[in-house]
Amino acid sequence: NDETIQNLKAGDAVLLSGQMFTARDAGHK
């Protein structure tokens, strides 16, 4: 969400939990 994104700074170490999808160049195309 926007609040989470705005609180992240380059270099922060994170642990991601939840759902994300996979895609490479062929999927993006």
mmCIF file of all heavy atoms, coordinates in Angstrom:
data_MODEL
# 
_entry.id   MODEL 
# 
loop_
_atom_site.group_PDB 
_atom_site.id 
_atom_site.type_symbol 
_atom_site.label_atom_id 
_atom_site.label_alt_id 
_atom_site.label_comp_id 
_atom_site.label_asym_id 
_atom_site.label_entity_id 
_atom_site.label_seq_id 
_atom_site.pdbx_PDB_ins_code 
_atom_site.Cartn_x 
_atom_site.Cartn_y 
_atom_site.Cartn_z 
_atom_site.occupancy 
_atom_site.B_iso_or_equiv 
_atom_site.pdbx_formal_charge 
_atom_site.auth_seq_id 
_atom_site.auth_comp_id 
_atom_site.auth_asym_id 
_atom_site.auth_atom_id 
_atom_site.pdbx_PDB_model_num 
ATOM 1   N N   . ASN A 1 1  ? 0.866  -1.179  0.000   1.00 0.00 ? 1  ASN A N   1 
ATOM 2   C CA  . ASN A 1 1  ? 0.000  0.000   0.000   1.00 0.00 ? 1  ASN A CA  1 
ATOM 3   C C   . ASN A 1 1  ? 0.902  1.229   0.000   1.00 0.00 ? 1  ASN A C   1 
ATOM 4   O O   . ASN A 1 1  ? 2.109  1.148   0.262   1.00 0.00 ? 1  ASN A O   1 
ATOM 5   C CB  . ASN A 1 1  ? -0.979 -0.012  1.182   1.00 0.00 ? 1  ASN A CB  1 
ATOM 6   C CG  . ASN A 1 1  ? -0.270 -0.011  2.521   1.00 0.00 ? 1  ASN A CG  1 
ATOM 7   O OD1 . ASN A 1 1  ? 0.607  0.811   2.786   1.00 0.00 ? 1  ASN A OD1 1 
ATOM 8   N ND2 . ASN A 1 1  ? -0.637 -0.947  3.384   1.00 0.00 ? 1  ASN A ND2 1 
ATOM 9   N N   . ASP A 1 2  ? 0.318  2.390   -0.306  1.00 0.00 ? 2  ASP A N   1 
ATOM 10  C CA  . ASP A 1 2  ? 1.106  3.611   -0.448  1.00 0.00 ? 2  ASP A CA  1 
ATOM 11  C C   . ASP A 1 2  ? 1.861  3.979   0.829   1.00 0.00 ? 2  ASP A C   1 
ATOM 12  O O   . ASP A 1 2  ? 3.012  4.412   0.768   1.00 0.00 ? 2  ASP A O   1 
ATOM 13  C CB  . ASP A 1 2  ? 0.218  4.776   -0.889  1.00 0.00 ? 2  ASP A CB  1 
ATOM 14  C CG  . ASP A 1 2  ? -0.225 4.652   -2.346  1.00 0.00 ? 2  ASP A CG  1 
ATOM 15  O OD1 . ASP A 1 2  ? 0.412  3.893   -3.100  1.00 0.00 ? 2  ASP A OD1 1 
ATOM 16  O OD2 . ASP A 1 2  ? -1.197 5.319   -2.727  1.00 0.00 ? 2  ASP A OD2 1 
ATOM 17  N N   . GLU A 1 3  ? 1.246  3.791   1.983   1.00 0.00 ? 3  GLU A N   1 
ATOM 18  C CA  . GLU A 1 3  ? 1.906  4.150   3.244   1.00 0.00 ? 3  GLU A CA  1 
ATOM 19  C C   . GLU A 1 3  ? 3.163  3.304   3.448   1.00 0.00 ? 3  GLU A C   1 
ATOM 20  O O   . GLU A 1 3  ? 4.227  3.824   3.811   1.00 0.00 ? 3  GLU A O   1 
ATOM 21  C CB  . GLU A 1 3  ? 0.950  3.963   4.421   1.00 0.00 ? 3  GLU A CB  1 
ATOM 22  C CG  . GLU A 1 3  ? 1.570  4.351   5.749   1.00 0.00 ? 3  GLU A CG  1 
ATOM 23  C CD  . GLU A 1 3  ? 0.641  4.149   6.942   1.00 0.00 ? 3  GLU A CD  1 
ATOM 24  O OE1 . GLU A 1 3  ? -0.558 3.889   6.751   1.00 0.00 ? 3  GLU A OE1 1 
ATOM 25  O OE2 . GLU A 1 3  ? 1.142  4.242   8.074   1.00 0.00 ? 3  GLU A OE2 1 
ATOM 26  N N   . THR A 1 4  ? 3.058  1.999   3.202   1.00 0.00 ? 4  THR A N   1 
ATOM 27  C CA  . THR A 1 4  ? 4.224  1.116   3.344   1.00 0.00 ? 4  THR A CA  1 
ATOM 28  C C   . THR A 1 4  ? 5.323  1.541   2.378   1.00 0.00 ? 4  THR A C   1 
ATOM 29  O O   . THR A 1 4  ? 6.491  1.662   2.769   1.00 0.00 ? 4  THR A O   1 
ATOM 30  C CB  . THR A 1 4  ? 3.823  -0.349  3.090   1.00 0.00 ? 4  THR A CB  1 
ATOM 31  O OG1 . THR A 1 4  ? 2.864  -0.745  4.075   1.00 0.00 ? 4  THR A OG1 1 
ATOM 32  C CG2 . THR A 1 4  ? 5.027  -1.272  3.160   1.00 0.00 ? 4  THR A CG2 1 
ATOM 33  N N   . ILE A 1 5  ? 4.955  1.776   1.132   1.00 0.00 ? 5  ILE A N   1 
ATOM 34  C CA  . ILE A 1 5  ? 5.936  2.151   0.106   1.00 0.00 ? 5  ILE A CA  1 
ATOM 35  C C   . ILE A 1 5  ? 6.655  3.438   0.493   1.00 0.00 ? 5  ILE A C   1 
ATOM 36  O O   . ILE A 1 5  ? 7.879  3.540   0.377   1.00 0.00 ? 5  ILE A O   1 
ATOM 37  C CB  . ILE A 1 5  ? 5.251  2.282   -1.268  1.00 0.00 ? 5  ILE A CB  1 
ATOM 38  C CG1 . ILE A 1 5  ? 4.803  0.901   -1.759  1.00 0.00 ? 5  ILE A CG1 1 
ATOM 39  C CG2 . ILE A 1 5  ? 6.185  2.949   -2.287  1.00 0.00 ? 5  ILE A CG2 1 
ATOM 40  C CD1 . ILE A 1 5  ? 3.888  0.935   -2.968  1.00 0.00 ? 5  ILE A CD1 1 
ATOM 41  N N   . GLN A 1 6  ? 5.908  4.430   0.970   1.00 0.00 ? 6  GLN A N   1 
ATOM 42  C CA  . GLN A 1 6  ? 6.509  5.713   1.310   1.00 0.00 ? 6  GLN A CA  1 
ATOM 43  C C   . GLN A 1 6  ? 7.443  5.625   2.503   1.00 0.00 ? 6  GLN A C   1 
ATOM 44  O O   . GLN A 1 6  ? 8.341  6.465   2.654   1.00 0.00 ? 6  GLN A O   1 
ATOM 45  C CB  . GLN A 1 6  ? 5.415  6.749   1.543   1.00 0.00 ? 6  GLN A CB  1 
ATOM 46  C CG  . GLN A 1 6  ? 4.714  7.109   0.249   1.00 0.00 ? 6  GLN A CG  1 
ATOM 47  C CD  . GLN A 1 6  ? 3.473  7.970   0.447   1.00 0.00 ? 6  GLN A CD  1 
ATOM 48  O OE1 . GLN A 1 6  ? 3.097  8.291   1.575   1.00 0.00 ? 6  GLN A OE1 1 
ATOM 49  N NE2 . GLN A 1 6  ? 2.844  8.345   -0.649  1.00 0.00 ? 6  GLN A NE2 1 
ATOM 50  N N   . ASN A 1 7  ? 7.292  4.611   3.337   1.00 0.00 ? 7  ASN A N   1 
ATOM 51  C CA  . ASN A 1 7  ? 8.162  4.439   4.502   1.00 0.00 ? 7  ASN A CA  1 
ATOM 52  C C   . ASN A 1 7  ? 9.408  3.609   4.220   1.00 0.00 ? 7  ASN A C   1 
ATOM 53  O O   . ASN A 1 7  ? 10.239 3.431   5.112   1.00 0.00 ? 7  ASN A O   1 
ATOM 54  C CB  . ASN A 1 7  ? 7.377  3.832   5.667   1.00 0.00 ? 7  ASN A CB  1 
ATOM 55  C CG  . ASN A 1 7  ? 6.426  4.830   6.288   1.00 0.00 ? 7  ASN A CG  1 
ATOM 56  O OD1 . ASN A 1 7  ? 6.768  5.995   6.464   1.00 0.00 ? 7  ASN A OD1 1 
ATOM 57  N ND2 . ASN A 1 7  ? 5.226  4.390   6.601   1.00 0.00 ? 7  ASN A ND2 1 
ATOM 58  N N   . LEU A 1 8  ? 9.536  3.098   3.004   1.00 0.00 ? 8  LEU A N   1 
ATOM 59  C CA  . LEU A 1 8  ? 10.708 2.303   2.641   1.00 0.00 ? 8  LEU A CA  1 
ATOM 60  C C   . LEU A 1 8  ? 11.787 3.197   2.039   1.00 0.00 ? 8  LEU A C   1 
ATOM 61  O O   . LEU A 1 8  ? 11.498 4.080   1.228   1.00 0.00 ? 8  LEU A O   1 
ATOM 62  C CB  . LEU A 1 8  ? 10.325 1.211   1.645   1.00 0.00 ? 8  LEU A CB  1 
ATOM 63  C CG  . LEU A 1 8  ? 9.401  0.124   2.189   1.00 0.00 ? 8  LEU A CG  1 
ATOM 64  C CD1 . LEU A 1 8  ? 8.925  -0.785  1.066   1.00 0.00 ? 8  LEU A CD1 1 
ATOM 65  C CD2 . LEU A 1 8  ? 10.101 -0.679  3.274   1.00 0.00 ? 8  LEU A CD2 1 
ATOM 66  N N   . LYS A 1 9  ? 13.020 2.948   2.425   1.00 0.00 ? 9  LYS A N   1 
ATOM 67  C CA  . LYS A 1 9  ? 14.155 3.722   1.932   1.00 0.00 ? 9  LYS A CA  1 
ATOM 68  C C   . LYS A 1 9  ? 15.182 2.786   1.299   1.00 0.00 ? 9  LYS A C   1 
ATOM 69  O O   . LYS A 1 9  ? 15.379 1.663   1.770   1.00 0.00 ? 9  LYS A O   1 
ATOM 70  C CB  . LYS A 1 9  ? 14.819 4.499   3.079   1.00 0.00 ? 9  LYS A CB  1 
ATOM 71  C CG  . LYS A 1 9  ? 13.877 5.427   3.824   1.00 0.00 ? 9  LYS A CG  1 
ATOM 72  C CD  . LYS A 1 9  ? 13.359 6.527   2.931   1.00 0.00 ? 9  LYS A CD  1 
ATOM 73  C CE  . LYS A 1 9  ? 12.359 7.412   3.642   1.00 0.00 ? 9  LYS A CE  1 
ATOM 74  N NZ  . LYS A 1 9  ? 11.298 7.870   2.792   1.00 0.00 ? 9  LYS A NZ  1 
ATOM 75  N N   . ALA A 1 10 ? 15.839 3.260   0.262   1.00 0.00 ? 10 ALA A N   1 
ATOM 76  C CA  . ALA A 1 10 ? 16.887 2.469   -0.395  1.00 0.00 ? 10 ALA A CA  1 
ATOM 77  C C   . ALA A 1 10 ? 17.873 1.983   0.661   1.00 0.00 ? 10 ALA A C   1 
ATOM 78  O O   . ALA A 1 10 ? 18.313 2.750   1.514   1.00 0.00 ? 10 ALA A O   1 
ATOM 79  C CB  . ALA A 1 10 ? 17.588 3.299   -1.456  1.00 0.00 ? 10 ALA A CB  1 
ATOM 80  N N   . GLY A 1 11 ? 18.170 0.701   0.619   1.00 0.00 ? 11 GLY A N   1 
ATOM 81  C CA  . GLY A 1 11 ? 19.089 0.084   1.579   1.00 0.00 ? 11 GLY A CA  1 
ATOM 82  C C   . GLY A 1 11 ? 18.398 -0.646  2.714   1.00 0.00 ? 11 GLY A C   1 
ATOM 83  O O   . GLY A 1 11 ? 19.042 -1.430  3.415   1.00 0.00 ? 11 GLY A O   1 
ATOM 84  N N   . ASP A 1 12 ? 17.091 -0.414  2.911   1.00 0.00 ? 12 ASP A N   1 
ATOM 85  C CA  . ASP A 1 12 ? 16.366 -1.130  3.964   1.00 0.00 ? 12 ASP A CA  1 
ATOM 86  C C   . ASP A 1 12 ? 16.346 -2.632  3.686   1.00 0.00 ? 12 ASP A C   1 
ATOM 87  O O   . ASP A 1 12 ? 16.054 -3.050  2.559   1.00 0.00 ? 12 ASP A O   1 
ATOM 88  C CB  . ASP A 1 12 ? 14.905 -0.662  4.059   1.00 0.00 ? 12 ASP A CB  1 
ATOM 89  C CG  . ASP A 1 12 ? 14.717 0.698   4.695   1.00 0.00 ? 12 ASP A CG  1 
ATOM 90  O OD1 . ASP A 1 12 ? 15.683 1.236   5.274   1.00 0.00 ? 12 ASP A OD1 1 
ATOM 91  O OD2 . ASP A 1 12 ? 13.583 1.232   4.600   1.00 0.00 ? 12 ASP A OD2 1 
ATOM 92  N N   . ALA A 1 13 ? 16.646 -3.426  4.703   1.00 0.00 ? 13 ALA A N   1 
ATOM 93  C CA  . ALA A 1 13 ? 16.502 -4.883  4.601   1.00 0.00 ? 13 ALA A CA  1 
ATOM 94  C C   . ALA A 1 13 ? 15.064 -5.224  4.973   1.00 0.00 ? 13 ALA A C   1 
ATOM 95  O O   . ALA A 1 13 ? 14.536 -4.691  5.955   1.00 0.00 ? 13 ALA A O   1 
ATOM 96  C CB  . ALA A 1 13 ? 17.473 -5.575  5.544   1.00 0.00 ? 13 ALA A CB  1 
ATOM 97  N N   . VAL A 1 14 ? 14.425 -6.076  4.171   1.00 0.00 ? 14 VAL A N   1 
ATOM 98  C CA  . VAL A 1 14 ? 13.020 -6.408  4.397   1.00 0.00 ? 14 VAL A CA  1 
ATOM 99  C C   . VAL A 1 14 ? 12.801 -7.914  4.315   1.00 0.00 ? 14 VAL A C   1 
ATOM 100 O O   . VAL A 1 14 ? 13.587 -8.653  3.716   1.00 0.00 ? 14 VAL A O   1 
ATOM 101 C CB  . VAL A 1 14 ? 12.091 -5.700  3.374   1.00 0.00 ? 14 VAL A CB  1 
ATOM 102 C CG1 . VAL A 1 14 ? 12.196 -4.179  3.500   1.00 0.00 ? 14 VAL A CG1 1 
ATOM 103 C CG2 . VAL A 1 14 ? 12.380 -6.143  1.956   1.00 0.00 ? 14 VAL A CG2 1 
ATOM 104 N N   . LEU A 1 15 ? 11.698 -8.343  4.925   1.00 0.00 ? 15 LEU A N   1 
ATOM 105 C CA  . LEU A 1 15 ? 11.180 -9.698  4.779   1.00 0.00 ? 15 LEU A CA  1 
ATOM 106 C C   . LEU A 1 15 ? 9.770  -9.545  4.219   1.00 0.00 ? 15 LEU A C   1 
ATOM 107 O O   . LEU A 1 15 ? 8.913  -8.937  4.862   1.00 0.00 ? 15 LEU A O   1 
ATOM 108 C CB  . LEU A 1 15 ? 11.148 -10.425 6.125   1.00 0.00 ? 15 LEU A CB  1 
ATOM 109 C CG  . LEU A 1 15 ? 12.496 -10.738 6.753   1.00 0.00 ? 15 LEU A CG  1 
ATOM 110 C CD1 . LEU A 1 15 ? 12.314 -11.303 8.162   1.00 0.00 ? 15 LEU A CD1 1 
ATOM 111 C CD2 . LEU A 1 15 ? 13.293 -11.700 5.887   1.00 0.00 ? 15 LEU A CD2 1 
ATOM 112 N N   . LEU A 1 16 ? 9.537  -10.049 3.022   1.00 0.00 ? 16 LEU A N   1 
ATOM 113 C CA  . LEU A 1 16 ? 8.244  -9.934  2.363   1.00 0.00 ? 16 LEU A CA  1 
ATOM 114 C C   . LEU A 1 16 ? 7.388  -11.156 2.670   1.00 0.00 ? 16 LEU A C   1 
ATOM 115 O O   . LEU A 1 16 ? 7.863  -12.291 2.558   1.00 0.00 ? 16 LEU A O   1 
ATOM 116 C CB  . LEU A 1 16 ? 8.431  -9.814  0.845   1.00 0.00 ? 16 LEU A CB  1 
ATOM 117 C CG  . LEU A 1 16 ? 9.313  -8.666  0.354   1.00 0.00 ? 16 LEU A CG  1 
ATOM 118 C CD1 . LEU A 1 16 ? 9.546  -8.778  -1.148  1.00 0.00 ? 16 LEU A CD1 1 
ATOM 119 C CD2 . LEU A 1 16 ? 8.704  -7.325  0.714   1.00 0.00 ? 16 LEU A CD2 1 
ATOM 120 N N   . SER A 1 17 ? 6.133  -10.921 3.033   1.00 0.00 ? 17 SER A N   1 
ATOM 121 C CA  . SER A 1 17 ? 5.184  -12.011 3.273   1.00 0.00 ? 17 SER A CA  1 
ATOM 122 C C   . SER A 1 17 ? 3.856  -11.647 2.628   1.00 0.00 ? 17 SER A C   1 
ATOM 123 O O   . SER A 1 17 ? 3.431  -10.496 2.680   1.00 0.00 ? 17 SER A O   1 
ATOM 124 C CB  . SER A 1 17 ? 4.977  -12.243 4.774   1.00 0.00 ? 17 SER A CB  1 
ATOM 125 O OG  . SER A 1 17 ? 6.168  -12.712 5.379   1.00 0.00 ? 17 SER A OG  1 
ATOM 126 N N   . GLY A 1 18 ? 3.225  -12.636 2.017   1.00 0.00 ? 18 GLY A N   1 
ATOM 127 C CA  . GLY A 1 18 ? 1.948  -12.413 1.337   1.00 0.00 ? 18 GLY A CA  1 
ATOM 128 C C   . GLY A 1 18 ? 2.020  -12.975 -0.067  1.00 0.00 ? 18 GLY A C   1 
ATOM 129 O O   . GLY A 1 18 ? 2.685  -13.983 -0.303  1.00 0.00 ? 18 GLY A O   1 
ATOM 130 N N   . GLN A 1 19 ? 1.345  -12.298 -0.986  1.00 0.00 ? 19 GLN A N   1 
ATOM 131 C CA  . GLN A 1 19 ? 1.299  -12.804 -2.357  1.00 0.00 ? 19 GLN A CA  1 
ATOM 132 C C   . GLN A 1 19 ? 1.997  -11.877 -3.338  1.00 0.00 ? 19 GLN A C   1 
ATOM 133 O O   . GLN A 1 19 ? 1.882  -10.652 -3.251  1.00 0.00 ? 19 GLN A O   1 
ATOM 134 C CB  . GLN A 1 19 ? -0.145 -13.008 -2.798  1.00 0.00 ? 19 GLN A CB  1 
ATOM 135 C CG  . GLN A 1 19 ? -0.826 -14.130 -2.055  1.00 0.00 ? 19 GLN A CG  1 
ATOM 136 C CD  . GLN A 1 19 ? -2.212 -14.418 -2.593  1.00 0.00 ? 19 GLN A CD  1 
ATOM 137 O OE1 . GLN A 1 19 ? -2.942 -13.522 -2.989  1.00 0.00 ? 19 GLN A OE1 1 
ATOM 138 N NE2 . GLN A 1 19 ? -2.564 -15.688 -2.614  1.00 0.00 ? 19 GLN A NE2 1 
ATOM 139 N N   . MET A 1 20 ? 2.730  -12.477 -4.260  1.00 0.00 ? 20 MET A N   1 
ATOM 140 C CA  . MET A 1 20 ? 3.312  -11.768 -5.394  1.00 0.00 ? 20 MET A CA  1 
ATOM 141 C C   . MET A 1 20 ? 3.262  -12.708 -6.579  1.00 0.00 ? 20 MET A C   1 
ATOM 142 O O   . MET A 1 20 ? 3.170  -13.925 -6.419  1.00 0.00 ? 20 MET A O   1 
ATOM 143 C CB  . MET A 1 20 ? 4.724  -11.288 -5.094  1.00 0.00 ? 20 MET A CB  1 
ATOM 144 C CG  . MET A 1 20 ? 5.758  -12.340 -4.804  1.00 0.00 ? 20 MET A CG  1 
ATOM 145 S SD  . MET A 1 20 ? 7.340  -11.516 -4.463  1.00 0.00 ? 20 MET A SD  1 
ATOM 146 C CE  . MET A 1 20 ? 8.223  -12.811 -3.629  1.00 0.00 ? 20 MET A CE  1 
ATOM 147 N N   . PHE A 1 21 ? 3.282  -12.137 -7.765  1.00 0.00 ? 21 PHE A N   1 
ATOM 148 C CA  . PHE A 1 21 ? 3.241  -13.005 -8.930  1.00 0.00 ? 21 PHE A CA  1 
ATOM 149 C C   . PHE A 1 21 ? 4.591  -13.010 -9.632  1.00 0.00 ? 21 PHE A C   1 
ATOM 150 O O   . PHE A 1 21 ? 5.428  -12.140 -9.398  1.00 0.00 ? 21 PHE A O   1 
ATOM 151 C CB  . PHE A 1 21 ? 2.085  -12.629 -9.872  1.00 0.00 ? 21 PHE A CB  1 
ATOM 152 C CG  . PHE A 1 21 ? 2.262  -11.345 -10.624 1.00 0.00 ? 21 PHE A CG  1 
ATOM 153 C CD1 . PHE A 1 21 ? 2.827  -11.339 -11.897 1.00 0.00 ? 21 PHE A CD1 1 
ATOM 154 C CD2 . PHE A 1 21 ? 1.841  -10.147 -10.086 1.00 0.00 ? 21 PHE A CD2 1 
ATOM 155 C CE1 . PHE A 1 21 ? 2.980  -10.162 -12.588 1.00 0.00 ? 21 PHE A CE1 1 
ATOM 156 C CE2 . PHE A 1 21 ? 1.986  -8.960  -10.779 1.00 0.00 ? 21 PHE A CE2 1 
ATOM 157 C CZ  . PHE A 1 21 ? 2.569  -8.964  -12.044 1.00 0.00 ? 21 PHE A CZ  1 
ATOM 158 N N   . THR A 1 22 ? 4.820  -14.037 -10.428 1.00 0.00 ? 22 THR A N   1 
ATOM 159 C CA  . THR A 1 22 ? 6.065  -14.171 -11.164 1.00 0.00 ? 22 THR A CA  1 
ATOM 160 C C   . THR A 1 22 ? 5.836  -13.779 -12.612 1.00 0.00 ? 22 THR A C   1 
ATOM 161 O O   . THR A 1 22 ? 4.763  -14.015 -13.169 1.00 0.00 ? 22 THR A O   1 
ATOM 162 C CB  . THR A 1 22 ? 6.609  -15.615 -11.133 1.00 0.00 ? 22 THR A CB  1 
ATOM 163 O OG1 . THR A 1 22 ? 5.754  -16.461 -11.905 1.00 0.00 ? 22 THR A OG1 1 
ATOM 164 C CG2 . THR A 1 22 ? 6.719  -16.134 -9.711  1.00 0.00 ? 22 THR A CG2 1 
ATOM 165 N N   . ALA A 1 23 ? 6.847  -13.183 -13.205 1.00 0.00 ? 23 ALA A N   1 
ATOM 166 C CA  . ALA A 1 23 ? 6.816  -12.882 -14.641 1.00 0.00 ? 23 ALA A CA  1 
ATOM 167 C C   . ALA A 1 23 ? 8.220  -12.505 -15.075 1.00 0.00 ? 23 ALA A C   1 
ATOM 168 O O   . ALA A 1 23 ? 8.940  -11.828 -14.346 1.00 0.00 ? 23 ALA A O   1 
ATOM 169 C CB  . ALA A 1 23 ? 5.842  -11.749 -14.959 1.00 0.00 ? 23 ALA A CB  1 
ATOM 170 N N   . ARG A 1 24 ? 8.567  -12.970 -16.253 1.00 0.00 ? 24 ARG A N   1 
ATOM 171 C CA  . ARG A 1 24 ? 9.819  -12.554 -16.878 1.00 0.00 ? 24 ARG A CA  1 
ATOM 172 C C   . ARG A 1 24 ? 9.472  -11.844 -18.174 1.00 0.00 ? 24 ARG A C   1 
ATOM 173 O O   . ARG A 1 24 ? 8.324  -11.453 -18.382 1.00 0.00 ? 24 ARG A O   1 
ATOM 174 C CB  . ARG A 1 24 ? 10.722 -13.761 -17.112 1.00 0.00 ? 24 ARG A CB  1 
ATOM 175 C CG  . ARG A 1 24 ? 11.380 -14.227 -15.828 1.00 0.00 ? 24 ARG A CG  1 
ATOM 176 C CD  . ARG A 1 24 ? 12.315 -15.364 -16.016 1.00 0.00 ? 24 ARG A CD  1 
ATOM 177 N NE  . ARG A 1 24 ? 13.166 -15.247 -17.196 1.00 0.00 ? 24 ARG A NE  1 
ATOM 178 C CZ  . ARG A 1 24 ? 14.227 -15.985 -17.423 1.00 0.00 ? 24 ARG A CZ  1 
ATOM 179 N NH1 . ARG A 1 24 ? 14.579 -16.882 -16.545 1.00 0.00 ? 24 ARG A NH1 1 
ATOM 180 N NH2 . ARG A 1 24 ? 14.923 -15.852 -18.514 1.00 0.00 ? 24 ARG A NH2 1 
ATOM 181 N N   . ASP A 1 25 ? 10.427 -11.676 -19.056 1.00 0.00 ? 25 ASP A N   1 
ATOM 182 C CA  . ASP A 1 25 ? 10.195 -10.884 -20.257 1.00 0.00 ? 25 ASP A CA  1 
ATOM 183 C C   . ASP A 1 25 ? 9.095  -11.447 -21.162 1.00 0.00 ? 25 ASP A C   1 
ATOM 184 O O   . ASP A 1 25 ? 8.273  -10.693 -21.691 1.00 0.00 ? 25 ASP A O   1 
ATOM 185 C CB  . ASP A 1 25 ? 11.483 -10.627 -21.038 1.00 0.00 ? 25 ASP A CB  1 
ATOM 186 C CG  . ASP A 1 25 ? 12.507 -11.750 -20.977 1.00 0.00 ? 25 ASP A CG  1 
ATOM 187 O OD1 . ASP A 1 25 ? 12.582 -12.458 -19.954 1.00 0.00 ? 25 ASP A OD1 1 
ATOM 188 O OD2 . ASP A 1 25 ? 13.235 -11.919 -21.956 1.00 0.00 ? 25 ASP A OD2 1 
ATOM 189 N N   . ALA A 1 26 ? 9.023  -12.764 -21.321 1.00 0.00 ? 26 ALA A N   1 
ATOM 190 C CA  . ALA A 1 26 ? 7.980  -13.340 -22.186 1.00 0.00 ? 26 ALA A CA  1 
ATOM 191 C C   . ALA A 1 26 ? 6.586  -13.083 -21.604 1.00 0.00 ? 26 ALA A C   1 
ATOM 192 O O   . ALA A 1 26 ? 5.653  -12.742 -22.345 1.00 0.00 ? 26 ALA A O   1 
ATOM 193 C CB  . ALA A 1 26 ? 8.208  -14.833 -22.389 1.00 0.00 ? 26 ALA A CB  1 
ATOM 194 N N   . GLY A 1 27 ? 6.439  -13.209 -20.301 1.00 0.00 ? 27 GLY A N   1 
ATOM 195 C CA  . GLY A 1 27 ? 5.159  -12.932 -19.649 1.00 0.00 ? 27 GLY A CA  1 
ATOM 196 C C   . GLY A 1 27 ? 4.799  -11.455 -19.748 1.00 0.00 ? 27 GLY A C   1 
ATOM 197 O O   . GLY A 1 27 ? 3.647  -11.097 -20.005 1.00 0.00 ? 27 GLY A O   1 
ATOM 198 N N   . HIS A 1 28 ? 5.786  -10.593 -19.566 1.00 0.00 ? 28 HIS A N   1 
ATOM 199 C CA  . HIS A 1 28 ? 5.550  -9.153  -19.687 1.00 0.00 ? 28 HIS A CA  1 
ATOM 200 C C   . HIS A 1 28 ? 5.144  -8.781  -21.115 1.00 0.00 ? 28 HIS A C   1 
ATOM 201 O O   . HIS A 1 28 ? 4.282  -7.917  -21.311 1.00 0.00 ? 28 HIS A O   1 
ATOM 202 C CB  . HIS A 1 28 ? 6.800  -8.372  -19.275 1.00 0.00 ? 28 HIS A CB  1 
ATOM 203 C CG  . HIS A 1 28 ? 6.929  -8.193  -17.807 1.00 0.00 ? 28 HIS A CG  1 
ATOM 204 N ND1 . HIS A 1 28 ? 7.353  -9.191  -16.977 1.00 0.00 ? 28 HIS A ND1 1 
ATOM 205 C CD2 . HIS A 1 28 ? 6.673  -7.128  -17.021 1.00 0.00 ? 28 HIS A CD2 1 
ATOM 206 C CE1 . HIS A 1 28 ? 7.372  -8.743  -15.731 1.00 0.00 ? 28 HIS A CE1 1 
ATOM 207 N NE2 . HIS A 1 28 ? 6.953  -7.493  -15.734 1.00 0.00 ? 28 HIS A NE2 1 
ATOM 208 N N   . LYS A 1 29 ? 5.757  -9.434  -22.075 1.00 0.00 ? 29 LYS A N   1 
ATOM 209 C CA  . LYS A 1 29 ? 5.404  -9.156  -23.481 1.00 0.00 ? 29 LYS A CA  1 
ATOM 210 C C   . LYS A 1 29 ? 3.931  -9.483  -23.724 1.00 0.00 ? 29 LYS A C   1 
ATOM 211 O O   . LYS A 1 29 ? 3.212  -8.712  -24.357 1.00 0.00 ? 29 LYS A O   1 
ATOM 212 C CB  . LYS A 1 29 ? 6.298  -9.979  -24.411 1.00 0.00 ? 29 LYS A CB  1 
ATOM 213 C CG  . LYS A 1 29 ? 6.066  -9.719  -25.875 1.00 0.00 ? 29 LYS A CG  1 
ATOM 214 C CD  . LYS A 1 29 ? 7.042  -10.501 -26.733 1.00 0.00 ? 29 LYS A CD  1 
ATOM 215 C CE  . LYS A 1 29 ? 6.814  -10.218 -28.206 1.00 0.00 ? 29 LYS A CE  1 
ATOM 216 N NZ  . LYS A 1 29 ? 7.754  -10.955 -29.050 1.00 0.00 ? 29 LYS A NZ  1 
# 
